[in-house]
């Protein structure tokens, strides 16, 4: 029952969207790029609440640091005062969680669609899922998975996509670092550095997520990794729009000064 709903509501409609883009462009790589941008744009209203919440939390970090210093020996009181501060500024830390879950569900579906479309694609099976005859594949037609120097149905043998995916994920995580760095100062002043959960989690994600992306990029088909790359680039643009360069600001300033010389 769940499988039928999953395919009917998500997999099949998304597969049709990718099929239409493929038939119009004639390139699977270009189709995946356009497909990712369109879906990410549609999901933007769902992602923005959580991104704005994170920005508000980062803006409140100096006041949160003061609370952590003041109540460093009373964690229960510190948690109460933090919640009171959030309440005063109309901030709900849990806001955006539901929309984030919905976004993740859609992204999982997108991953499945790209895999089904690019890897050992059976056009006869695909045709049974495509709504409109005009966008169905011809008998005996083979999905062209070649994109520039890559076969999108196979792992990238040049490792370019894997390394690029990891680097972009590091940049995306680094853009959130002002909140982490402020949290680190507070954590260092407290007897137990593990009390700053937000800092510890983001510090770990800064390095673990890029490594995971590289590992994924080395094993998964290049078409899926291309989707991850474009998705990450889109997320970087979104983050810049909401909260600026963040932790990348010093690096951006240095590069800008060198370019102006």
C-alpha atoms as a PDB file:
ATOM      1  CA  UNK A   1       0.000   0.000   0.000  1.00  0.00           C
ATOM      2  CA  UNK A   2       2.759   2.414   0.993  1.00  0.00           C
ATOM      3  CA  UNK A   3       4.744   1.499  -2.116  1.00  0.00           C
ATOM      4  CA  UNK A   4       1.758   2.253  -4.361  1.00  0.00           C
ATOM      5  CA  UNK A   5       1.220   5.671  -2.726  1.00  0.00           C
ATOM      6  CA  UNK A   6       4.947   6.446  -2.884  1.00  0.00           C
ATOM      7  CA  UNK A   7       5.074   5.694  -6.608  1.00  0.00           C
ATOM      8  CA  UNK A   8       1.772   7.384  -7.456  1.00  0.00           C
ATOM      9  CA  UNK A   9       2.299  10.607  -5.514  1.00  0.00           C
ATOM     10  CA  UNK A  10       6.048  11.123  -5.924  1.00  0.00           C
ATOM     11  CA  UNK A  11       8.037   8.745  -8.123  1.00  0.00           C
ATOM     12  CA  UNK A  12       5.840   8.692 -11.237  1.00  0.00           C
ATOM     13  CA  UNK A  13       5.134  12.473 -11.425  1.00  0.00           C
ATOM     14  CA  UNK A  14       8.813  13.298 -10.902  1.00  0.00           C
ATOM     15  CA  UNK A  15       9.877  10.705 -13.463  1.00  0.00           C
ATOM     16  CA  UNK A  16       7.489  12.287 -15.969  1.00  0.00           C
ATOM     17  CA  UNK A  17       9.021  15.697 -15.331  1.00  0.00           C
ATOM     18  CA  UNK A  18      12.520  14.331 -16.002  1.00  0.00           C
ATOM     19  CA  UNK A  19      11.303  12.476 -19.103  1.00  0.00           C
ATOM     20  CA  UNK A  20       9.773  15.663 -20.527  1.00  0.00           C
ATOM     21  CA  UNK A  21      12.998  17.611 -19.946  1.00  0.00           C
ATOM     22  CA  UNK A  22      15.010  14.817 -21.533  1.00  0.00           C
ATOM     23  CA  UNK A  23      12.828  14.690 -24.641  1.00  0.00           C
ATOM     24  CA  UNK A  24      12.981  18.477 -25.010  1.00  0.00           C
ATOM     25  CA  UNK A  25      16.740  18.849 -24.430  1.00  0.00           C
ATOM     26  CA  UNK A  26      18.041  15.520 -25.735  1.00  0.00           C
ATOM     27  CA  UNK A  27      20.626  15.502 -22.926  1.00  0.00           C
ATOM     28  CA  UNK A  28      20.260  13.568 -19.674  1.00  0.00           C
ATOM     29  CA  UNK A  29      22.896  15.738 -17.987  1.00  0.00           C
ATOM     30  CA  UNK A  30      21.170  18.988 -18.926  1.00  0.00           C
ATOM     31  CA  UNK A  31      17.831  17.441 -17.967  1.00  0.00           C
ATOM     32  CA  UNK A  32      19.092  16.553 -14.496  1.00  0.00           C
ATOM     33  CA  UNK A  33      20.470  20.077 -14.018  1.00  0.00           C
ATOM     34  CA  UNK A  34      17.207  21.741 -15.076  1.00  0.00           C
ATOM     35  CA  UNK A  35      15.195  19.158 -13.163  1.00  0.00           C
ATOM     36  CA  UNK A  36      17.131  19.820  -9.933  1.00  0.00           C
ATOM     37  CA  UNK A  37      16.874  23.607 -10.236  1.00  0.00           C
ATOM     38  CA  UNK A  38      13.119  23.475 -10.889  1.00  0.00           C
ATOM     39  CA  UNK A  39      12.429  21.124  -7.982  1.00  0.00           C
ATOM     40  CA  UNK A  40      14.655  23.098  -5.597  1.00  0.00           C
ATOM     41  CA  UNK A  41      12.899  26.307  -6.644  1.00  0.00           C
ATOM     42  CA  UNK A  42       9.501  24.725  -5.985  1.00  0.00           C
ATOM     43  CA  UNK A  43      10.707  23.548  -2.556  1.00  0.00           C
ATOM     44  CA  UNK A  44      12.092  26.993  -1.627  1.00  0.00           C
ATOM     45  CA  UNK A  45       8.960  28.078   0.302  1.00  0.00           C
ATOM     46  CA  UNK A  46       9.291  24.921   2.401  1.00  0.00           C
ATOM     47  CA  UNK A  47      12.986  25.449   3.125  1.00  0.00           C
ATOM     48  CA  UNK A  48      12.921  29.179   3.907  1.00  0.00           C
ATOM     49  CA  UNK A  49      11.245  28.939   7.363  1.00  0.00           C
ATOM     50  CA  UNK A  50      13.981  26.713   8.759  1.00  0.00           C
ATOM     51  CA  UNK A  51      16.720  28.832   7.157  1.00  0.00           C
ATOM     52  CA  UNK A  52      15.277  32.003   8.649  1.00  0.00           C
ATOM     53  CA  UNK A  53      15.018  30.285  12.026  1.00  0.00           C
ATOM     54  CA  UNK A  54      18.708  29.370  11.848  1.00  0.00           C
ATOM     55  CA  UNK A  55      19.574  32.978  10.988  1.00  0.00           C
ATOM     56  CA  UNK A  56      17.569  34.266  13.957  1.00  0.00           C
ATOM     57  CA  UNK A  57      19.324  31.815  16.249  1.00  0.00           C
ATOM     58  CA  UNK A  58      22.673  33.003  14.916  1.00  0.00           C
ATOM     59  CA  UNK A  59      21.691  36.661  15.448  1.00  0.00           C
ATOM     60  CA  UNK A  60      20.775  35.839  19.053  1.00  0.00           C
ATOM     61  CA  UNK A  61      24.022  33.987  19.665  1.00  0.00           C
ATOM     62  CA  UNK A  62      25.726  36.803  21.647  1.00  0.00           C
ATOM     63  CA  UNK A  63      22.830  36.824  24.106  1.00  0.00           C
ATOM     64  CA  UNK A  64      22.806  33.031  24.237  1.00  0.00           C
ATOM     65  CA  UNK A  65      26.530  33.077  25.003  1.00  0.00           C
ATOM     66  CA  UNK A  66      25.908  35.397  27.948  1.00  0.00           C
ATOM     67  CA  UNK A  67      23.286  32.999  29.305  1.00  0.00           C
ATOM     68  CA  UNK A  68      25.642  30.059  28.906  1.00  0.00           C
ATOM     69  CA  UNK A  69      28.327  31.930  30.842  1.00  0.00           C
ATOM     70  CA  UNK A  70      25.942  33.148  33.540  1.00  0.00           C
ATOM     71  CA  UNK A  71      24.291  29.759  34.126  1.00  0.00           C
ATOM     72  CA  UNK A  72      27.198  27.490  33.219  1.00  0.00           C
ATOM     73  CA  UNK A  73      26.802  25.587  36.488  1.00  0.00           C
ATOM     74  CA  UNK A  74      23.018  25.242  36.184  1.00  0.00           C
ATOM     75  CA  UNK A  75      22.106  23.675  32.852  1.00  0.00           C
ATOM     76  CA  UNK A  76      18.429  23.402  33.699  1.00  0.00           C
ATOM     77  CA  UNK A  77      18.185  27.127  34.414  1.00  0.00           C
ATOM     78  CA  UNK A  78      20.229  27.861  31.307  1.00  0.00           C
ATOM     79  CA  UNK A  79      17.779  25.877  29.140  1.00  0.00           C
ATOM     80  CA  UNK A  80      14.828  27.713  30.724  1.00  0.00           C
ATOM     81  CA  UNK A  81      16.368  31.119  30.093  1.00  0.00           C
ATOM     82  CA  UNK A  82      17.217  30.169  26.508  1.00  0.00           C
ATOM     83  CA  UNK A  83      13.621  29.203  25.837  1.00  0.00           C
ATOM     84  CA  UNK A  84      12.487  32.459  27.442  1.00  0.00           C
ATOM     85  CA  UNK A  85      14.821  34.408  25.167  1.00  0.00           C
ATOM     86  CA  UNK A  86      13.465  32.570  22.123  1.00  0.00           C
ATOM     87  CA  UNK A  87       9.926  33.340  23.250  1.00  0.00           C
ATOM     88  CA  UNK A  88      10.697  37.042  23.658  1.00  0.00           C
ATOM     89  CA  UNK A  89      11.941  37.233  20.079  1.00  0.00           C
ATOM     90  CA  UNK A  90       9.128  35.105  18.646  1.00  0.00           C
ATOM     91  CA  UNK A  91      11.493  32.310  17.761  1.00  0.00           C
ATOM     92  CA  UNK A  92      10.415  28.686  17.746  1.00  0.00           C
ATOM     93  CA  UNK A  93      13.461  26.398  17.382  1.00  0.00           C
ATOM     94  CA  UNK A  94      11.194  23.604  16.173  1.00  0.00           C
ATOM     95  CA  UNK A  95       9.710  25.667  13.350  1.00  0.00           C
ATOM     96  CA  UNK A  96      10.483  24.328   9.916  1.00  0.00           C
ATOM     97  CA  UNK A  97      11.017  20.761  11.131  1.00  0.00           C
ATOM     98  CA  UNK A  98       7.917  19.438   9.385  1.00  0.00           C
ATOM     99  CA  UNK A  99       8.784  21.225   6.154  1.00  0.00           C
ATOM    100  CA  UNK A 100      12.352  19.975   6.382  1.00  0.00           C
ATOM    101  CA  UNK A 101      11.090  16.404   6.706  1.00  0.00           C
ATOM    102  CA  UNK A 102       8.858  16.926   3.677  1.00  0.00           C
ATOM    103  CA  UNK A 103      11.831  18.283   1.736  1.00  0.00           C
ATOM    104  CA  UNK A 104      13.973  15.267   2.631  1.00  0.00           C
ATOM    105  CA  UNK A 105      11.185  12.910   1.529  1.00  0.00           C
ATOM    106  CA  UNK A 106      11.009  14.622  -1.854  1.00  0.00           C
ATOM    107  CA  UNK A 107      14.792  14.520  -2.240  1.00  0.00           C
ATOM    108  CA  UNK A 108      14.817  10.767  -1.543  1.00  0.00           C
ATOM    109  CA  UNK A 109      12.180  10.369  -4.241  1.00  0.00           C
ATOM    110  CA  UNK A 110      14.290  12.438  -6.653  1.00  0.00           C
ATOM    111  CA  UNK A 111      17.250  10.182  -6.014  1.00  0.00           C
ATOM    112  CA  UNK A 112      15.095   7.146  -6.865  1.00  0.00           C
ATOM    113  CA  UNK A 113      13.805   8.752 -10.041  1.00  0.00           C
ATOM    114  CA  UNK A 114      17.275   9.599 -11.342  1.00  0.00           C
ATOM    115  CA  UNK A 115      18.493   6.097 -10.570  1.00  0.00           C
ATOM    116  CA  UNK A 116      15.533   4.517 -12.354  1.00  0.00           C
ATOM    117  CA  UNK A 117      15.908   6.798 -15.353  1.00  0.00           C
ATOM    118  CA  UNK A 118      19.669   6.621 -15.796  1.00  0.00           C
ATOM    119  CA  UNK A 119      20.770   3.168 -14.674  1.00  0.00           C
ATOM    120  CA  UNK A 120      19.914   0.235 -16.924  1.00  0.00           C
ATOM    121  CA  UNK A 121      16.857   2.140 -18.082  1.00  0.00           C
ATOM    122  CA  UNK A 122      14.254  -0.056 -19.760  1.00  0.00           C
ATOM    123  CA  UNK A 123      12.374   2.286 -22.102  1.00  0.00           C
ATOM    124  CA  UNK A 124       9.430  -0.121 -22.274  1.00  0.00           C
ATOM    125  CA  UNK A 125       9.010   0.101 -18.500  1.00  0.00           C
ATOM    126  CA  UNK A 126       9.550   3.856 -18.554  1.00  0.00           C
ATOM    127  CA  UNK A 127       6.882   4.251 -21.251  1.00  0.00           C
ATOM    128  CA  UNK A 128       4.299   2.578 -19.005  1.00  0.00           C
ATOM    129  CA  UNK A 129       4.944   5.309 -16.429  1.00  0.00           C
ATOM    130  CA  UNK A 130       4.963   8.308 -18.782  1.00  0.00           C
ATOM    131  CA  UNK A 131       1.602  10.062 -18.942  1.00  0.00           C
ATOM    132  CA  UNK A 132       1.748  11.624 -22.416  1.00  0.00           C
ATOM    133  CA  UNK A 133       2.446   9.724 -25.641  1.00  0.00           C
ATOM    134  CA  UNK A 134       4.363  12.681 -27.065  1.00  0.00           C
ATOM    135  CA  UNK A 135       7.091  12.226 -24.455  1.00  0.00           C
ATOM    136  CA  UNK A 136       7.346   8.444 -24.576  1.00  0.00           C
ATOM    137  CA  UNK A 137      10.434   6.735 -25.959  1.00  0.00           C
ATOM    138  CA  UNK A 138      10.422   5.126 -29.379  1.00  0.00           C
ATOM    139  CA  UNK A 139      10.618   1.364 -29.685  1.00  0.00           C
ATOM    140  CA  UNK A 140      14.227   0.253 -29.348  1.00  0.00           C
ATOM    141  CA  UNK A 141      15.385   3.724 -28.264  1.00  0.00           C
ATOM    142  CA  UNK A 142      18.149   3.841 -25.650  1.00  0.00           C
ATOM    143  CA  UNK A 143      18.486   6.561 -23.036  1.00  0.00           C
ATOM    144  CA  UNK A 144      21.618   8.560 -23.853  1.00  0.00           C
ATOM    145  CA  UNK A 145      23.484   8.738 -20.536  1.00  0.00           C
ATOM    146  CA  UNK A 146      26.592  10.429 -21.963  1.00  0.00           C
ATOM    147  CA  UNK A 147      27.211  13.970 -20.670  1.00  0.00           C
ATOM    148  CA  UNK A 148      30.441  15.707 -21.679  1.00  0.00           C
ATOM    149  CA  UNK A 149      33.172  13.247 -20.559  1.00  0.00           C
ATOM    150  CA  UNK A 150      30.949  11.283 -18.195  1.00  0.00           C
ATOM    151  CA  UNK A 151      28.609   8.336 -18.438  1.00  0.00           C
ATOM    152  CA  UNK A 152      25.910   9.345 -15.979  1.00  0.00           C
ATOM    153  CA  UNK A 153      24.834   5.746 -15.464  1.00  0.00           C
ATOM    154  CA  UNK A 154      28.239   4.795 -14.029  1.00  0.00           C
ATOM    155  CA  UNK A 155      30.438   6.129 -11.201  1.00  0.00           C
ATOM    156  CA  UNK A 156      32.725   8.981 -12.248  1.00  0.00           C
ATOM    157  CA  UNK A 157      36.040   7.339 -13.165  1.00  0.00           C
ATOM    158  CA  UNK A 158      37.786  10.733 -13.058  1.00  0.00           C
ATOM    159  CA  UNK A 159      36.647  11.400  -9.435  1.00  0.00           C
ATOM    160  CA  UNK A 160      35.796  14.986 -10.434  1.00  0.00           C
ATOM    161  CA  UNK A 161      32.148  14.815  -9.364  1.00  0.00           C
ATOM    162  CA  UNK A 162      33.034  13.176  -6.041  1.00  0.00           C
ATOM    163  CA  UNK A 163      35.639  15.793  -5.107  1.00  0.00           C
ATOM    164  CA  UNK A 164      33.485  18.676  -6.341  1.00  0.00           C
ATOM    165  CA  UNK A 165      30.520  17.374  -4.347  1.00  0.00           C
ATOM    166  CA  UNK A 166      32.632  17.202  -1.175  1.00  0.00           C
ATOM    167  CA  UNK A 167      34.129  20.670  -1.708  1.00  0.00           C
ATOM    168  CA  UNK A 168      30.750  22.280  -2.307  1.00  0.00           C
ATOM    169  CA  UNK A 169      29.295  20.594   0.761  1.00  0.00           C
ATOM    170  CA  UNK A 170      32.184  21.964   2.838  1.00  0.00           C
ATOM    171  CA  UNK A 171      31.481  25.473   1.532  1.00  0.00           C
ATOM    172  CA  UNK A 172      27.773  25.094   2.293  1.00  0.00           C
ATOM    173  CA  UNK A 173      28.544  23.951   5.847  1.00  0.00           C
ATOM    174  CA  UNK A 174      31.199  26.639   6.348  1.00  0.00           C
ATOM    175  CA  UNK A 175      28.660  29.346   5.532  1.00  0.00           C
ATOM    176  CA  UNK A 176      26.920  28.438   8.802  1.00  0.00           C
ATOM    177  CA  UNK A 177      30.119  28.717  10.850  1.00  0.00           C
ATOM    178  CA  UNK A 178      29.530  32.105  12.561  1.00  0.00           C
ATOM    179  CA  UNK A 179      26.958  30.417  14.751  1.00  0.00           C
ATOM    180  CA  UNK A 180      29.367  27.551  15.427  1.00  0.00           C
ATOM    181  CA  UNK A 181      32.310  29.814  16.239  1.00  0.00           C
ATOM    182  CA  UNK A 182      30.266  31.845  18.684  1.00  0.00           C
ATOM    183  CA  UNK A 183      29.088  28.653  20.274  1.00  0.00           C
ATOM    184  CA  UNK A 184      32.667  27.410  20.587  1.00  0.00           C
ATOM    185  CA  UNK A 185      33.641  30.376  22.771  1.00  0.00           C
ATOM    186  CA  UNK A 186      30.806  29.630  25.147  1.00  0.00           C
ATOM    187  CA  UNK A 187      31.550  25.920  25.168  1.00  0.00           C
ATOM    188  CA  UNK A 188      35.187  26.565  26.061  1.00  0.00           C
ATOM    189  CA  UNK A 189      34.178  28.602  29.104  1.00  0.00           C
ATOM    190  CA  UNK A 190      31.912  25.933  30.530  1.00  0.00           C
ATOM    191  CA  UNK A 191      33.195  23.004  32.624  1.00  0.00           C
ATOM    192  CA  UNK A 192      31.862  20.475  30.127  1.00  0.00           C
ATOM    193  CA  UNK A 193      32.257  21.388  26.455  1.00  0.00           C
ATOM    194  CA  UNK A 194      29.652  18.799  25.518  1.00  0.00           C
ATOM    195  CA  UNK A 195      26.887  21.035  26.856  1.00  0.00           C
ATOM    196  CA  UNK A 196      26.788  23.051  23.631  1.00  0.00           C
ATOM    197  CA  UNK A 197      24.959  20.511  21.493  1.00  0.00           C
ATOM    198  CA  UNK A 198      24.343  22.893  18.578  1.00  0.00           C
ATOM    199  CA  UNK A 199      28.043  23.703  18.341  1.00  0.00           C
ATOM    200  CA  UNK A 200      29.161  20.087  18.541  1.00  0.00           C
ATOM    201  CA  UNK A 201      26.647  18.941  15.914  1.00  0.00           C
ATOM    202  CA  UNK A 202      27.541  21.668  13.423  1.00  0.00           C
ATOM    203  CA  UNK A 203      31.267  21.196  14.019  1.00  0.00           C
ATOM    204  CA  UNK A 204      30.928  17.504  13.214  1.00  0.00           C
ATOM    205  CA  UNK A 205      28.762  18.168  10.157  1.00  0.00           C
ATOM    206  CA  UNK A 206      31.337  20.622   8.809  1.00  0.00           C
ATOM    207  CA  UNK A 207      33.717  17.728   8.174  1.00  0.00           C
ATOM    208  CA  UNK A 208      31.584  14.584   8.117  1.00  0.00           C
ATOM    209  CA  UNK A 209      29.128  15.742   5.444  1.00  0.00           C
ATOM    210  CA  UNK A 210      31.829  16.582   2.845  1.00  0.00           C
ATOM    211  CA  UNK A 211      33.557  13.254   3.508  1.00  0.00           C
ATOM    212  CA  UNK A 212      30.240  11.425   3.100  1.00  0.00           C
ATOM    213  CA  UNK A 213      29.605  13.271  -0.159  1.00  0.00           C
ATOM    214  CA  UNK A 214      33.002  12.194  -1.509  1.00  0.00           C
ATOM    215  CA  UNK A 215      32.351   8.566  -0.546  1.00  0.00           C
ATOM    216  CA  UNK A 216      28.902   8.711  -2.132  1.00  0.00           C
ATOM    217  CA  UNK A 217      30.365  10.333  -5.218  1.00  0.00           C
ATOM    218  CA  UNK A 218      32.883   7.528  -5.633  1.00  0.00           C
ATOM    219  CA  UNK A 219      30.264   4.788  -5.502  1.00  0.00           C
ATOM    220  CA  UNK A 220      27.036   6.140  -6.985  1.00  0.00           C
ATOM    221  CA  UNK A 221      26.333   6.794 -10.679  1.00  0.00           C
ATOM    222  CA  UNK A 222      27.529  10.178 -11.899  1.00  0.00           C
ATOM    223  CA  UNK A 223      23.938  11.204 -12.715  1.00  0.00           C
ATOM    224  CA  UNK A 224      22.957  11.000  -9.048  1.00  0.00           C
ATOM    225  CA  UNK A 225      26.104  12.865  -7.982  1.00  0.00           C
ATOM    226  CA  UNK A 226      25.380  15.570 -10.580  1.00  0.00           C
ATOM    227  CA  UNK A 227      21.999  16.027  -8.921  1.00  0.00           C
ATOM    228  CA  UNK A 228      23.709  16.353  -5.503  1.00  0.00           C
ATOM    229  CA  UNK A 229      26.169  18.930  -6.883  1.00  0.00           C
ATOM    230  CA  UNK A 230      23.489  21.144  -8.426  1.00  0.00           C
ATOM    231  CA  UNK A 231      21.328  20.775  -5.315  1.00  0.00           C
ATOM    232  CA  UNK A 232      24.234  21.902  -3.105  1.00  0.00           C
ATOM    233  CA  UNK A 233      24.988  24.885  -5.344  1.00  0.00           C
ATOM    234  CA  UNK A 234      21.345  25.917  -5.121  1.00  0.00           C
ATOM    235  CA  UNK A 235      21.477  25.594  -1.313  1.00  0.00           C
ATOM    236  CA  UNK A 236      24.584  27.793  -1.187  1.00  0.00           C
ATOM    237  CA  UNK A 237      22.762  30.481  -3.163  1.00  0.00           C
ATOM    238  CA  UNK A 238      19.764  30.202  -0.824  1.00  0.00           C
ATOM    239  CA  UNK A 239      21.970  30.504   2.253  1.00  0.00           C
ATOM    240  CA  UNK A 240      23.723  33.553   0.815  1.00  0.00           C
ATOM    241  CA  UNK A 241      20.345  35.167   0.082  1.00  0.00           C
ATOM    242  CA  UNK A 242      19.132  34.608   3.654  1.00  0.00           C
ATOM    243  CA  UNK A 243      22.251  35.170   5.766  1.00  0.00           C
ATOM    244  CA  UNK A 244      25.186  36.198   3.561  1.00  0.00           C
ATOM    245  CA  UNK A 245      28.583  34.537   3.304  1.00  0.00           C
ATOM    246  CA  UNK A 246      28.668  33.505   6.958  1.00  0.00           C
ATOM    247  CA  UNK A 247      31.895  31.680   7.830  1.00  0.00           C
ATOM    248  CA  UNK A 248      33.171  32.169   4.281  1.00  0.00           C
ATOM    249  CA  UNK A 249      33.263  35.951   4.726  1.00  0.00           C
ATOM    250  CA  UNK A 250      36.980  36.161   5.740  1.00  0.00           C
ATOM    251  CA  UNK A 251      37.995  33.959   2.816  1.00  0.00           C
ATOM    252  CA  UNK A 252      35.835  35.913   0.360  1.00  0.00           C
ATOM    253  CA  UNK A 253      37.366  39.188   1.575  1.00  0.00           C
ATOM    254  CA  UNK A 254      40.914  37.844   1.155  1.00  0.00           C
ATOM    255  CA  UNK A 255      40.182  36.624  -2.374  1.00  0.00           C
ATOM    256  CA  UNK A 256      38.532  39.941  -3.232  1.00  0.00           C
ATOM    257  CA  UNK A 257      41.568  41.897  -2.020  1.00  0.00           C
ATOM    258  CA  UNK A 258      43.916  39.724  -4.073  1.00  0.00           C
ATOM    259  CA  UNK A 259      41.775  40.162  -7.171  1.00  0.00           C
ATOM    260  CA  UNK A 260      41.774  43.949  -6.743  1.00  0.00           C
ATOM    261  CA  UNK A 261      45.582  44.107  -6.580  1.00  0.00           C
END
